[in-house]
Amino acid sequence: MISNIVTVYRVENALGHGPYRALALEHTDEEIDEIEDPFEKMKSDHSWTSRESHPTPYMDFKRILVEKHIADNPKAKFGFPNLEKLHEWFNGYISLLKENGFEIKTYQVARRKIRMSNSGKQLVFFLD
């Protein structure tokens, strides 16, 4: 029998923000101009040049899902179906993430609140 509750893995800081958006969510535009982003290289490595290994939400999920349910929704979180996928995604950056206050968190999520990506590399889940 398949369980209705699934373990989801996510990288986030103490405020629940992921490494891609934490600066923007936690600082003003003026502050961001003065802060050196410790994840600049990771973001660059995961940018448009590596879309096969790190697809954007618009590439990896149906556009309607992104526009209606993910974009600007604080209850929508990106994560991974297992630790292997998480480590593949953040390969070479786990230590840097930990040094900057990010941890691997687990969530127990109802299966109906999870949407798997087309690539199978990532997922989005919705908090209550």
C-alpha atoms as a PDB file:
ATOM      1  CA  MET A   1       0.000   0.000   0.000  1.00  0.00           C
ATOM      2  CA  ILE A   2       1.292   3.471  -0.930  1.00  0.00           C
ATOM      3  CA  SER A   3       1.493   5.942   1.936  1.00  0.00           C
ATOM      4  CA  ASN A   4      -0.350   9.233   1.636  1.00  0.00           C
ATOM      5  CA  ILE A   5       2.510  10.966   3.469  1.00  0.00           C
ATOM      6  CA  VAL A   6       5.818  11.512   1.663  1.00  0.00           C
ATOM      7  CA  THR A   7       9.189  12.666   2.997  1.00  0.00           C
ATOM      8  CA  VAL A   8      10.441  15.689   1.059  1.00  0.00           C
ATOM      9  CA  TYR A   9      13.972  17.096   1.337  1.00  0.00           C
ATOM     10  CA  ARG A  10      14.765  20.797   1.110  1.00  0.00           C
ATOM     11  CA  VAL A  11      17.721  23.144   1.644  1.00  0.00           C
ATOM     12  CA  GLU A  12      16.703  26.188   3.693  1.00  0.00           C
ATOM     13  CA  ASN A  13      17.853  28.585   6.392  1.00  0.00           C
ATOM     14  CA  ALA A  14      16.335  29.191   9.848  1.00  0.00           C
ATOM     15  CA  LEU A  15      13.719  31.498   8.279  1.00  0.00           C
ATOM     16  CA  GLY A  16      12.623  28.781   5.857  1.00  0.00           C
ATOM     17  CA  HIS A  17      14.108  30.511   2.807  1.00  0.00           C
ATOM     18  CA  GLY A  18      15.975  28.636   0.112  1.00  0.00           C
ATOM     19  CA  PRO A  19      19.424  29.729  -1.085  1.00  0.00           C
ATOM     20  CA  TYR A  20      18.237  31.183  -4.392  1.00  0.00           C
ATOM     21  CA  ARG A  21      15.870  33.758  -2.901  1.00  0.00           C
ATOM     22  CA  ALA A  22      17.042  34.281   0.690  1.00  0.00           C
ATOM     23  CA  LEU A  23      18.861  37.566   0.044  1.00  0.00           C
ATOM     24  CA  ALA A  24      15.907  39.100  -1.777  1.00  0.00           C
ATOM     25  CA  LEU A  25      13.439  38.000   0.891  1.00  0.00           C
ATOM     26  CA  GLU A  26      15.565  39.065   3.858  1.00  0.00           C
ATOM     27  CA  HIS A  27      17.076  42.386   2.710  1.00  0.00           C
ATOM     28  CA  THR A  28      16.081  45.596   0.991  1.00  0.00           C
ATOM     29  CA  ASP A  29      17.376  46.404  -2.499  1.00  0.00           C
ATOM     30  CA  GLU A  30      19.773  48.936  -0.966  1.00  0.00           C
ATOM     31  CA  GLU A  31      21.155  46.355   1.461  1.00  0.00           C
ATOM     32  CA  ILE A  32      21.566  43.773  -1.293  1.00  0.00           C
ATOM     33  CA  ASP A  33      23.761  46.204  -3.240  1.00  0.00           C
ATOM     34  CA  GLU A  34      26.158  46.232  -0.270  1.00  0.00           C
ATOM     35  CA  ILE A  35      26.140  42.477   0.460  1.00  0.00           C
ATOM     36  CA  GLU A  36      28.405  39.973  -1.221  1.00  0.00           C
ATOM     37  CA  ASP A  37      26.262  36.994  -2.213  1.00  0.00           C
ATOM     38  CA  PRO A  38      28.070  33.833  -1.065  1.00  0.00           C
ATOM     39  CA  PHE A  39      26.043  31.848  -3.599  1.00  0.00           C
ATOM     40  CA  GLU A  40      26.816  33.958  -6.673  1.00  0.00           C
ATOM     41  CA  LYS A  41      28.950  31.216  -8.253  1.00  0.00           C
ATOM     42  CA  MET A  42      26.366  28.526  -7.478  1.00  0.00           C
ATOM     43  CA  LYS A  43      23.600  30.634  -8.991  1.00  0.00           C
ATOM     44  CA  SER A  44      25.759  31.259 -12.041  1.00  0.00           C
ATOM     45  CA  ASP A  45      26.572  27.549 -12.360  1.00  0.00           C
ATOM     46  CA  HIS A  46      22.843  26.785 -12.119  1.00  0.00           C
ATOM     47  CA  SER A  47      21.857  29.500 -14.593  1.00  0.00           C
ATOM     48  CA  TRP A  48      20.749  29.406 -18.209  1.00  0.00           C
ATOM     49  CA  THR A  49      23.882  27.581 -19.284  1.00  0.00           C
ATOM     50  CA  SER A  50      22.965  24.496 -17.256  1.00  0.00           C
ATOM     51  CA  ARG A  51      19.248  24.150 -17.919  1.00  0.00           C
ATOM     52  CA  GLU A  52      19.466  20.427 -18.571  1.00  0.00           C
ATOM     53  CA  SER A  53      20.922  19.734 -15.128  1.00  0.00           C
ATOM     54  CA  HIS A  54      19.121  22.605 -13.341  1.00  0.00           C
ATOM     55  CA  PRO A  55      15.877  23.414 -15.178  1.00  0.00           C
ATOM     56  CA  THR A  56      13.989  26.540 -14.160  1.00  0.00           C
ATOM     57  CA  PRO A  57      10.492  26.198 -12.714  1.00  0.00           C
ATOM     58  CA  TYR A  58       9.015  27.409 -16.014  1.00  0.00           C
ATOM     59  CA  MET A  59      10.949  24.738 -17.897  1.00  0.00           C
ATOM     60  CA  ASP A  60      10.267  21.944 -15.438  1.00  0.00           C
ATOM     61  CA  PHE A  61       6.619  22.478 -14.467  1.00  0.00           C
ATOM     62  CA  LYS A  62       3.537  23.355 -16.451  1.00  0.00           C
ATOM     63  CA  ARG A  63       3.371  27.123 -16.936  1.00  0.00           C
ATOM     64  CA  ILE A  64      -0.133  27.320 -15.475  1.00  0.00           C
ATOM     65  CA  LEU A  65       1.057  25.645 -12.267  1.00  0.00           C
ATOM     66  CA  VAL A  66       3.921  28.117 -11.929  1.00  0.00           C
ATOM     67  CA  GLU A  67       1.832  31.190 -12.673  1.00  0.00           C
ATOM     68  CA  LYS A  68      -1.226  30.289 -10.616  1.00  0.00           C
ATOM     69  CA  HIS A  69       0.176  28.300  -7.720  1.00  0.00           C
ATOM     70  CA  ILE A  70       3.942  28.707  -7.324  1.00  0.00           C
ATOM     71  CA  ALA A  71       5.068  32.229  -8.253  1.00  0.00           C
ATOM     72  CA  ASP A  72       4.765  34.598  -5.293  1.00  0.00           C
ATOM     73  CA  ASN A  73       3.127  31.896  -3.161  1.00  0.00           C
ATOM     74  CA  PRO A  74       4.905  31.743   0.226  1.00  0.00           C
ATOM     75  CA  LYS A  75       3.378  28.304   0.871  1.00  0.00           C
ATOM     76  CA  ALA A  76       4.973  26.824  -2.264  1.00  0.00           C
ATOM     77  CA  LYS A  77       8.427  25.401  -1.603  1.00  0.00           C
ATOM     78  CA  PHE A  78      10.886  23.626  -3.862  1.00  0.00           C
ATOM     79  CA  GLY A  79      12.432  20.410  -2.703  1.00  0.00           C
ATOM     80  CA  PHE A  80      13.544  16.954  -3.702  1.00  0.00           C
ATOM     81  CA  PRO A  81      12.044  13.475  -3.555  1.00  0.00           C
ATOM     82  CA  ASN A  82      15.197  12.005  -1.998  1.00  0.00           C
ATOM     83  CA  LEU A  83      18.633  12.953  -0.709  1.00  0.00           C
ATOM     84  CA  GLU A  84      20.323  11.684  -3.869  1.00  0.00           C
ATOM     85  CA  LYS A  85      18.458  14.234  -6.024  1.00  0.00           C
ATOM     86  CA  LEU A  86      19.216  17.003  -3.507  1.00  0.00           C
ATOM     87  CA  HIS A  87      22.929  16.161  -3.504  1.00  0.00           C
ATOM     88  CA  GLU A  88      22.998  15.974  -7.322  1.00  0.00           C
ATOM     89  CA  TRP A  89      21.381  19.432  -7.535  1.00  0.00           C
ATOM     90  CA  PHE A  90      23.714  21.071  -4.989  1.00  0.00           C
ATOM     91  CA  ASN A  91      26.796  19.016  -5.911  1.00  0.00           C
ATOM     92  CA  GLY A  92      29.908  20.831  -4.692  1.00  0.00           C
ATOM     93  CA  TYR A  93      27.939  23.416  -2.691  1.00  0.00           C
ATOM     94  CA  ILE A  94      26.638  21.564   0.385  1.00  0.00           C
ATOM     95  CA  SER A  95      29.553  22.731   2.569  1.00  0.00           C
ATOM     96  CA  LEU A  96      29.142  26.348   1.414  1.00  0.00           C
ATOM     97  CA  LEU A  97      25.421  26.185   2.122  1.00  0.00           C
ATOM     98  CA  LYS A  98      26.019  24.821   5.629  1.00  0.00           C
ATOM     99  CA  GLU A  99      28.711  27.447   6.320  1.00  0.00           C
ATOM    100  CA  ASN A 100      26.113  30.111   5.512  1.00  0.00           C
ATOM    101  CA  GLY A 101      23.370  28.801   7.773  1.00  0.00           C
ATOM    102  CA  PHE A 102      21.505  26.493   5.407  1.00  0.00           C
ATOM    103  CA  GLU A 103      20.493  22.991   6.397  1.00  0.00           C
ATOM    104  CA  ILE A 104      18.861  20.002   4.807  1.00  0.00           C
ATOM    105  CA  LYS A 105      15.355  19.844   6.253  1.00  0.00           C
ATOM    106  CA  THR A 106      12.798  17.111   5.901  1.00  0.00           C
ATOM    107  CA  TYR A 107       9.081  17.651   5.621  1.00  0.00           C
ATOM    108  CA  GLN A 108       6.300  15.104   5.900  1.00  0.00           C
ATOM    109  CA  VAL A 109       3.894  16.154   3.172  1.00  0.00           C
ATOM    110  CA  ALA A 110       0.561  14.779   2.010  1.00  0.00           C
ATOM    111  CA  ARG A 111       1.067  13.259  -1.445  1.00  0.00           C
ATOM    112  CA  ARG A 112      -1.760  15.441  -2.848  1.00  0.00           C
ATOM    113  CA  LYS A 113       0.242  18.585  -1.946  1.00  0.00           C
ATOM    114  CA  ILE A 114       3.267  17.598  -4.032  1.00  0.00           C
ATOM    115  CA  ARG A 115       3.863  18.231  -7.742  1.00  0.00           C
ATOM    116  CA  MET A 116       6.779  16.384  -9.299  1.00  0.00           C
ATOM    117  CA  SER A 117       8.691  18.182 -12.035  1.00  0.00           C
ATOM    118  CA  ASN A 118       8.786  16.972 -15.618  1.00  0.00           C
ATOM    119  CA  SER A 119      12.500  16.184 -15.286  1.00  0.00           C
ATOM    120  CA  GLY A 120      12.063  14.298 -12.017  1.00  0.00           C
ATOM    121  CA  LYS A 121      14.933  16.312 -10.567  1.00  0.00           C
ATOM    122  CA  GLN A 122      12.873  18.527  -8.260  1.00  0.00           C
ATOM    123  CA  LEU A 123       9.412  18.958  -6.881  1.00  0.00           C
ATOM    124  CA  VAL A 124       7.230  21.648  -5.421  1.00  0.00           C
ATOM    125  CA  PHE A 125       5.181  21.138  -2.289  1.00  0.00           C
ATOM    126  CA  PHE A 126       2.637  23.284  -0.530  1.00  0.00           C
ATOM    127  CA  LEU A 127       2.693  23.979   3.189  1.00  0.00           C
ATOM    128  CA  ASP A 128      -0.536  24.191   5.145  1.00  0.00           C
END
